[in-house]
C-alpha cells in the first residue's frame, strides 16, 4: 500500500521535475551566451569551440524532457520512454563533457570558474541516473 502511494506521488511530481530540468537547461545556455557564466578562466578558445557543439543536443534533450512530462501528465506509458531517452542523453552528454575537461587538464587547474562545469556534470549524472531509475518504475507502474 505504501509503495503504491509513493508511486502515485512520484507520478504527480515527476513531470514538473522534468519541466524544471528543461528550463534549467535553457537558463544555463541563456546565461552562457550572455557571458554571465564562464566555464573556465583559460582563454584558449578550446572550451568555447567544444561547448558550441552542445546547444543542439541539449535542446533535443529538453524536448524529450518536456515530452516525458506531457505524456506522464496524460498517464501514458510513452512518458517512461521519453524519460529514459532524456536520462540517457543527460548521462552521455555529461560523460563527453567530463572526458573533454579531464583530457585537456581543465579539472586539474583549480579555479572558481571550473566549479560551474563540475556542478553541471554532477547535476547531469545525478539527474540522468534519477530519470533512468524513475522511468523504470514508471514503466512498471503503467503495466
Foldseek 3Di string as FASTA:
>chain_A
DVVVVVLVVCLVCVLVVLLVVLVVLVVVVVCVVVVVAAQAPDPPCPVVVVCVVPPVLSNVLSVLSNVLSVCSVVLHLVSLVSLLVSLVSLLVVLVVVVVVCVVVVVVVDDDPRNVVNVVSSVCSNVSSVVSNVSSVVSNVVSD
